[in-house]
Amino acid sequence: MEIDIGSFTRVEENTVYAEVTIYTDPNSSGENVSLYLKLPYKVETTLDELEKLARSEAIKQMRAAADWLAENSA
């Protein structure tokens, strides 16, 4: 599994959207999940900090999705 952090778009003074793609099977070139995450932002936040936050939030969202599927699948 690989996580690719794409672009960040500032939408408000204290908010950015991050484009994140999770490749569930990097060798297959077809299985991936794209997320657009709303993240908090401060002027003094570095790009490295934003990337770490985006990666962490993407992992949380994938875990939540996997838990939901496990609970709601027949």
PDB file of N, CA and C in Angstrom:
ATOM      1  N   MET A   1       0.852  -1.171   0.000  1.00  0.00           N
ATOM      2  CA  MET A   1       0.000   0.000   0.000  1.00  0.00           C
ATOM      3  C   MET A   1       0.897   1.233   0.000  1.00  0.00           C
ATOM      4  N   GLU A   2       0.533   2.198  -0.806  1.00  0.00           N
ATOM      5  CA  GLU A   2       1.260   3.466  -0.870  1.00  0.00           C
ATOM      6  C   GLU A   2       0.282   4.621  -0.751  1.00  0.00           C
ATOM      7  N   ILE A   3       0.745   5.694  -0.154  1.00  0.00           N
ATOM      8  CA  ILE A   3      -0.068   6.900  -0.028  1.00  0.00           C
ATOM      9  C   ILE A   3       0.646   8.029  -0.756  1.00  0.00           C
ATOM     10  N   ASP A   4      -0.078   8.667  -1.683  1.00  0.00           N
ATOM     11  CA  ASP A   4       0.466   9.779  -2.448  1.00  0.00           C
ATOM     12  C   ASP A   4      -0.272  11.050  -2.046  1.00  0.00           C
ATOM     13  N   ILE A   5       0.475  12.021  -1.574  1.00  0.00           N
ATOM     14  CA  ILE A   5      -0.115  13.306  -1.200  1.00  0.00           C
ATOM     15  C   ILE A   5      -0.025  14.210  -2.419  1.00  0.00           C
ATOM     16  N   GLY A   6      -1.182  14.655  -2.898  1.00  0.00           N
ATOM     17  CA  GLY A   6      -1.225  15.527  -4.064  1.00  0.00           C
ATOM     18  C   GLY A   6      -1.188  16.981  -3.663  1.00  0.00           C
ATOM     19  N   SER A   7      -2.064  17.748  -4.217  1.00  0.00           N
ATOM     20  CA  SER A   7      -2.057  19.189  -3.985  1.00  0.00           C
ATOM     21  C   SER A   7      -2.871  19.579  -2.756  1.00  0.00           C
ATOM     22  N   PHE A   8      -2.554  20.766  -2.263  1.00  0.00           N
ATOM     23  CA  PHE A   8      -3.310  21.388  -1.174  1.00  0.00           C
ATOM     24  C   PHE A   8      -3.963  22.640  -1.728  1.00  0.00           C
ATOM     25  N   THR A   9      -5.222  22.855  -1.373  1.00  0.00           N
ATOM     26  CA  THR A   9      -5.937  24.039  -1.823  1.00  0.00           C
ATOM     27  C   THR A   9      -6.476  24.762  -0.599  1.00  0.00           C
ATOM     28  N   ARG A  10      -6.037  25.979  -0.420  1.00  0.00           N
ATOM     29  CA  ARG A  10      -6.513  26.775   0.709  1.00  0.00           C
ATOM     30  C   ARG A  10      -7.889  27.314   0.359  1.00  0.00           C
ATOM     31  N   VAL A  11      -8.870  27.035   1.228  1.00  0.00           N
ATOM     32  CA  VAL A  11     -10.238  27.460   0.937  1.00  0.00           C
ATOM     33  C   VAL A  11     -10.743  28.518   1.902  1.00  0.00           C
ATOM     34  N   GLU A  12     -10.149  28.592   3.039  1.00  0.00           N
ATOM     35  CA  GLU A  12     -10.487  29.616   4.019  1.00  0.00           C
ATOM     36  C   GLU A  12      -9.196  29.999   4.724  1.00  0.00           C
ATOM     37  N   GLU A  13      -9.266  30.987   5.561  1.00  0.00           N
ATOM     38  CA  GLU A  13      -8.063  31.423   6.265  1.00  0.00           C
ATOM     39  C   GLU A  13      -7.437  30.299   7.089  1.00  0.00           C
ATOM     40  N   ASN A  14      -8.271  29.403   7.617  1.00  0.00           N
ATOM     41  CA  ASN A  14      -7.752  28.362   8.504  1.00  0.00           C
ATOM     42  C   ASN A  14      -8.075  26.945   8.031  1.00  0.00           C
ATOM     43  N   THR A  15      -8.302  26.763   6.730  1.00  0.00           N
ATOM     44  CA  THR A  15      -8.677  25.453   6.201  1.00  0.00           C
ATOM     45  C   THR A  15      -8.032  25.218   4.840  1.00  0.00           C
ATOM     46  N   VAL A  16      -7.565  23.991   4.633  1.00  0.00           N
ATOM     47  CA  VAL A  16      -7.094  23.569   3.314  1.00  0.00           C
ATOM     48  C   VAL A  16      -7.749  22.235   2.978  1.00  0.00           C
ATOM     49  N   TYR A  17      -7.869  21.972   1.694  1.00  0.00           N
ATOM     50  CA  TYR A  17      -8.267  20.654   1.229  1.00  0.00           C
ATOM     51  C   TYR A  17      -7.021  19.965   0.692  1.00  0.00           C
ATOM     52  N   ALA A  18      -6.852  18.720   1.067  1.00  0.00           N
ATOM     53  CA  ALA A  18      -5.719  17.933   0.599  1.00  0.00           C
ATOM     54  C   ALA A  18      -6.230  16.827  -0.306  1.00  0.00           C
ATOM     55  N   GLU A  19      -5.555  16.640  -1.417  1.00  0.00           N
ATOM     56  CA  GLU A  19      -5.865  15.550  -2.327  1.00  0.00           C
ATOM     57  C   GLU A  19      -4.909  14.401  -2.000  1.00  0.00           C
ATOM     58  N   VAL A  20      -5.475  13.262  -1.632  1.00  0.00           N
ATOM     59  CA  VAL A  20      -4.677  12.108  -1.224  1.00  0.00           C
ATOM     60  C   VAL A  20      -5.150  10.886  -2.007  1.00  0.00           C
ATOM     61  N   THR A  21      -4.205  10.134  -2.542  1.00  0.00           N
ATOM     62  CA  THR A  21      -4.543   8.890  -3.225  1.00  0.00           C
ATOM     63  C   THR A  21      -3.858   7.740  -2.502  1.00  0.00           C
ATOM     64  N   ILE A  22      -4.640   6.722  -2.184  1.00  0.00           N
ATOM     65  CA  ILE A  22      -4.108   5.521  -1.540  1.00  0.00           C
ATOM     66  C   ILE A  22      -4.153   4.409  -2.581  1.00  0.00           C
ATOM     67  N   TYR A  23      -2.984   3.891  -2.898  1.00  0.00           N
ATOM     68  CA  TYR A  23      -2.878   2.780  -3.846  1.00  0.00           C
ATOM     69  C   TYR A  23      -2.895   1.491  -3.034  1.00  0.00           C
ATOM     70  N   THR A  24      -3.992   0.761  -3.120  1.00  0.00           N
ATOM     71  CA  THR A  24      -4.132  -0.459  -2.315  1.00  0.00           C
ATOM     72  C   THR A  24      -3.258  -1.586  -2.824  1.00  0.00           C
ATOM     73  N   ASP A  25      -2.940  -1.561  -4.120  1.00  0.00           N
ATOM     74  CA  ASP A  25      -2.022  -2.539  -4.706  1.00  0.00           C
ATOM     75  C   ASP A  25      -1.182  -1.807  -5.743  1.00  0.00           C
ATOM     76  N   PRO A  26      -0.071  -1.213  -5.313  1.00  0.00           N
ATOM     77  CA  PRO A  26       0.729  -0.382  -6.218  1.00  0.00           C
ATOM     78  C   PRO A  26       1.197  -1.101  -7.478  1.00  0.00           C
ATOM     79  N   ASN A  27       1.304  -2.405  -7.452  1.00  0.00           N
ATOM     80  CA  ASN A  27       1.791  -3.150  -8.605  1.00  0.00           C
ATOM     81  C   ASN A  27       0.718  -3.385  -9.659  1.00  0.00           C
ATOM     82  N   SER A  28      -0.560  -3.186  -9.302  1.00  0.00           N
ATOM     83  CA  SER A  28      -1.636  -3.469 -10.248  1.00  0.00           C
ATOM     84  C   SER A  28      -2.012  -2.265 -11.108  1.00  0.00           C
ATOM     85  N   SER A  29      -1.597  -1.086 -10.730  1.00  0.00           N
ATOM     86  CA  SER A  29      -1.865   0.182 -11.423  1.00  0.00           C
ATOM     87  C   SER A  29      -3.347   0.472 -11.644  1.00  0.00           C
ATOM     88  N   GLY A  30      -4.223  -0.124 -10.864  1.00  0.00           N
ATOM     89  CA  GLY A  30      -5.633   0.145 -11.058  1.00  0.00           C
ATOM     90  C   GLY A  30      -6.443   0.237  -9.791  1.00  0.00           C
ATOM     91  N   GLU A  31      -5.915  -0.223  -8.696  1.00  0.00           N
ATOM     92  CA  GLU A  31      -6.676  -0.236  -7.453  1.00  0.00           C
ATOM     93  C   GLU A  31      -6.219   0.921  -6.571  1.00  0.00           C
ATOM     94  N   ASN A  32      -7.083   1.930  -6.468  1.00  0.00           N
ATOM     95  CA  ASN A  32      -6.737   3.054  -5.610  1.00  0.00           C
ATOM     96  C   ASN A  32      -7.996   3.718  -5.079  1.00  0.00           C
ATOM     97  N   VAL A  33      -7.805   4.522  -4.051  1.00  0.00           N
ATOM     98  CA  VAL A  33      -8.878   5.285  -3.432  1.00  0.00           C
ATOM     99  C   VAL A  33      -8.401   6.731  -3.360  1.00  0.00           C
ATOM    100  N   SER A  34      -9.207   7.649  -3.855  1.00  0.00           N
ATOM    101  CA  SER A  34      -8.867   9.070  -3.778  1.00  0.00           C
ATOM    102  C   SER A  34      -9.714   9.737  -2.710  1.00  0.00           C
ATOM    103  N   LEU A  35      -9.066  10.546  -1.909  1.00  0.00           N
ATOM    104  CA  LEU A  35      -9.744  11.266  -0.834  1.00  0.00           C
ATOM    105  C   LEU A  35      -9.461  12.757  -0.966  1.00  0.00           C
ATOM    106  N   TYR A  36     -10.441  13.559  -0.626  1.00  0.00           N
ATOM    107  CA  TYR A  36     -10.269  14.996  -0.532  1.00  0.00           C
ATOM    108  C   TYR A  36     -10.579  15.354   0.912  1.00  0.00           C
ATOM    109  N   LEU A  37      -9.532  15.684   1.646  1.00  0.00           N
ATOM    110  CA  LEU A  37      -9.648  15.863   3.087  1.00  0.00           C
ATOM    111  C   LEU A  37      -9.625  17.333   3.467  1.00  0.00           C
ATOM    112  N   LYS A  38     -10.528  17.720   4.347  1.00  0.00           N
ATOM    113  CA  LYS A  38     -10.557  19.076   4.877  1.00  0.00           C
ATOM    114  C   LYS A  38      -9.676  19.089   6.118  1.00  0.00           C
ATOM    115  N   LEU A  39      -8.633  19.928   6.100  1.00  0.00           N
ATOM    116  CA  LEU A  39      -7.665  19.958   7.188  1.00  0.00           C
ATOM    117  C   LEU A  39      -7.530  21.358   7.768  1.00  0.00           C
ATOM    118  N   PRO A  40      -7.226  21.446   9.065  1.00  0.00           N
ATOM    119  CA  PRO A  40      -6.978  22.761   9.664  1.00  0.00           C
ATOM    120  C   PRO A  40      -5.661  23.341   9.146  1.00  0.00           C
ATOM    121  N   TYR A  41      -5.587  24.644   9.076  1.00  0.00           N
ATOM    122  CA  TYR A  41      -4.402  25.300   8.535  1.00  0.00           C
ATOM    123  C   TYR A  41      -4.116  26.578   9.305  1.00  0.00           C
ATOM    124  N   LYS A  42      -2.829  26.784   9.581  1.00  0.00           N
ATOM    125  CA  LYS A  42      -2.349  28.040  10.150  1.00  0.00           C
ATOM    126  C   LYS A  42      -1.232  28.536   9.246  1.00  0.00           C
ATOM    127  N   VAL A  43      -1.042  29.824   9.188  1.00  0.00           N
ATOM    128  CA  VAL A  43      -0.034  30.403   8.308  1.00  0.00           C
ATOM    129  C   VAL A  43       1.349  29.810   8.573  1.00  0.00           C
ATOM    130  N   GLU A  44       1.643  29.529   9.817  1.00  0.00           N
ATOM    131  CA  GLU A  44       2.973  29.015  10.167  1.00  0.00           C
ATOM    132  C   GLU A  44       3.130  27.509   9.935  1.00  0.00           C
ATOM    133  N   THR A  45       2.089  26.835   9.463  1.00  0.00           N
ATOM    134  CA  THR A  45       2.156  25.405   9.178  1.00  0.00           C
ATOM    135  C   THR A  45       3.049  25.155   7.969  1.00  0.00           C
ATOM    136  N   THR A  46       3.983  24.219   8.115  1.00  0.00           N
ATOM    137  CA  THR A  46       4.887  23.904   7.008  1.00  0.00           C
ATOM    138  C   THR A  46       4.252  22.867   6.090  1.00  0.00           C
ATOM    139  N   LEU A  47       4.797  22.757   4.894  1.00  0.00           N
ATOM    140  CA  LEU A  47       4.324  21.762   3.945  1.00  0.00           C
ATOM    141  C   LEU A  47       4.520  20.354   4.507  1.00  0.00           C
ATOM    142  N   ASP A  48       5.642  20.120   5.162  1.00  0.00           N
ATOM    143  CA  ASP A  48       5.914  18.815   5.765  1.00  0.00           C
ATOM    144  C   ASP A  48       4.848  18.471   6.810  1.00  0.00           C
ATOM    145  N   GLU A  49       4.470  19.438   7.629  1.00  0.00           N
ATOM    146  CA  GLU A  49       3.431  19.216   8.641  1.00  0.00           C
ATOM    147  C   GLU A  49       2.081  18.913   7.985  1.00  0.00           C
ATOM    148  N   LEU A  50       1.757  19.639   6.917  1.00  0.00           N
ATOM    149  CA  LEU A  50       0.505  19.382   6.206  1.00  0.00           C
ATOM    150  C   LEU A  50       0.495  17.977   5.600  1.00  0.00           C
ATOM    151  N   GLU A  51       1.620  17.564   5.022  1.00  0.00           N
ATOM    152  CA  GLU A  51       1.697  16.228   4.434  1.00  0.00           C
ATOM    153  C   GLU A  51       1.534  15.139   5.492  1.00  0.00           C
ATOM    154  N   LYS A  52       2.166  15.313   6.644  1.00  0.00           N
ATOM    155  CA  LYS A  52       2.026  14.340   7.736  1.00  0.00           C
ATOM    156  C   LYS A  52       0.584  14.277   8.222  1.00  0.00           C
ATOM    157  N   LEU A  53      -0.051  15.430   8.367  1.00  0.00           N
ATOM    158  CA  LEU A  53      -1.445  15.484   8.808  1.00  0.00           C
ATOM    159  C   LEU A  53      -2.359  14.822   7.777  1.00  0.00           C
ATOM    160  N   ALA A  54      -2.124  15.100   6.502  1.00  0.00           N
ATOM    161  CA  ALA A  54      -2.940  14.500   5.437  1.00  0.00           C
ATOM    162  C   ALA A  54      -2.785  12.987   5.432  1.00  0.00           C
ATOM    163  N   ARG A  55      -1.571  12.495   5.571  1.00  0.00           N
ATOM    164  CA  ARG A  55      -1.311  11.053   5.603  1.00  0.00           C
ATOM    165  C   ARG A  55      -2.018  10.404   6.800  1.00  0.00           C
ATOM    166  N   SER A  56      -1.900  11.026   7.960  1.00  0.00           N
ATOM    167  CA  SER A  56      -2.530  10.496   9.174  1.00  0.00           C
ATOM    168  C   SER A  56      -4.049  10.472   9.044  1.00  0.00           C
ATOM    169  N   GLU A  57      -4.620  11.543   8.517  1.00  0.00           N
ATOM    170  CA  GLU A  57      -6.078  11.620   8.362  1.00  0.00           C
ATOM    171  C   GLU A  57      -6.570  10.618   7.324  1.00  0.00           C
ATOM    172  N   ALA A  58      -5.804  10.421   6.250  1.00  0.00           N
ATOM    173  CA  ALA A  58      -6.181   9.440   5.228  1.00  0.00           C
ATOM    174  C   ALA A  58      -6.218   8.031   5.825  1.00  0.00           C
ATOM    175  N   ILE A  59      -5.237   7.715   6.647  1.00  0.00           N
ATOM    176  CA  ILE A  59      -5.211   6.399   7.299  1.00  0.00           C
ATOM    177  C   ILE A  59      -6.416   6.237   8.217  1.00  0.00           C
ATOM    178  N   LYS A  60      -6.739   7.276   8.973  1.00  0.00           N
ATOM    179  CA  LYS A  60      -7.923   7.224   9.851  1.00  0.00           C
ATOM    180  C   LYS A  60      -9.189   6.981   9.045  1.00  0.00           C
ATOM    181  N   GLN A  61      -9.328   7.691   7.925  1.00  0.00           N
ATOM    182  CA  GLN A  61     -10.526   7.543   7.095  1.00  0.00           C
ATOM    183  C   GLN A  61     -10.623   6.142   6.500  1.00  0.00           C
ATOM    184  N   MET A  62      -9.514   5.584   6.067  1.00  0.00           N
ATOM    185  CA  MET A  62      -9.516   4.219   5.508  1.00  0.00           C
ATOM    186  C   MET A  62      -9.877   3.188   6.580  1.00  0.00           C
ATOM    187  N   ARG A  63      -9.346   3.372   7.780  1.00  0.00           N
ATOM    188  CA  ARG A  63      -9.687   2.455   8.882  1.00  0.00           C
ATOM    189  C   ARG A  63     -11.172   2.545   9.218  1.00  0.00           C
ATOM    190  N   ALA A  64     -11.697   3.764   9.241  1.00  0.00           N
ATOM    191  CA  ALA A  64     -13.121   3.952   9.534  1.00  0.00           C
ATOM    192  C   ALA A  64     -13.972   3.291   8.443  1.00  0.00           C
ATOM    193  N   ALA A  65     -13.547   3.431   7.186  1.00  0.00           N
ATOM    194  CA  ALA A  65     -14.284   2.809   6.087  1.00  0.00           C
ATOM    195  C   ALA A  65     -14.238   1.284   6.190  1.00  0.00           C
ATOM    196  N   ALA A  66     -13.068   0.736   6.533  1.00  0.00           N
ATOM    197  CA  ALA A  66     -12.934  -0.719   6.675  1.00  0.00           C
ATOM    198  C   ALA A  66     -13.797  -1.217   7.826  1.00  0.00           C
ATOM    199  N   ASP A  67     -13.826  -0.489   8.932  1.00  0.00           N
ATOM    200  CA  ASP A  67     -14.680  -0.875  10.063  1.00  0.00           C
ATOM    201  C   ASP A  67     -16.152  -0.844   9.669  1.00  0.00           C
ATOM    202  N   TRP A  68     -16.567   0.201   8.955  1.00  0.00           N
ATOM    203  CA  TRP A  68     -17.949   0.320   8.528  1.00  0.00           C
ATOM    204  C   TRP A  68     -18.330  -0.848   7.606  1.00  0.00           C
ATOM    205  N   LEU A  69     -17.445  -1.158   6.660  1.00  0.00           N
ATOM    206  CA  LEU A  69     -17.725  -2.273   5.755  1.00  0.00           C
ATOM    207  C   LEU A  69     -17.826  -3.592   6.510  1.00  0.00           C
ATOM    208  N   ALA A  70     -16.969  -3.800   7.491  1.00  0.00           N
ATOM    209  CA  ALA A  70     -17.000  -5.034   8.264  1.00  0.00           C
ATOM    210  C   ALA A  70     -18.308  -5.163   9.039  1.00  0.00           C
ATOM    211  N   GLU A  71     -18.817  -4.073   9.533  1.00  0.00           N
ATOM    212  CA  GLU A  71     -20.056  -4.088  10.320  1.00  0.00           C
ATOM    213  C   GLU A  71     -21.309  -4.174   9.451  1.00  0.00           C
ATOM    214  N   ASN A  72     -21.231  -3.680   8.218  1.00  0.00           N
ATOM    215  CA  ASN A  72     -22.425  -3.566   7.387  1.00  0.00           C
ATOM    216  C   ASN A  72     -22.464  -4.498   6.183  1.00  0.00           C
ATOM    217  N   SER A  73     -21.508  -5.374   6.073  1.00  0.00           N
ATOM    218  CA  SER A  73     -21.511  -6.330   4.962  1.00  0.00           C
ATOM    219  C   SER A  73     -22.283  -7.577   5.354  1.00  0.00           C
ATOM    220  N   ALA A  74     -22.978  -8.121   4.404  1.00  0.00           N
ATOM    221  CA  ALA A  74     -23.791  -9.307   4.673  1.00  0.00           C
ATOM    222  C   ALA A  74     -22.950 -10.560   4.689  1.00  0.00           C
TER     223      ALA A  74
END
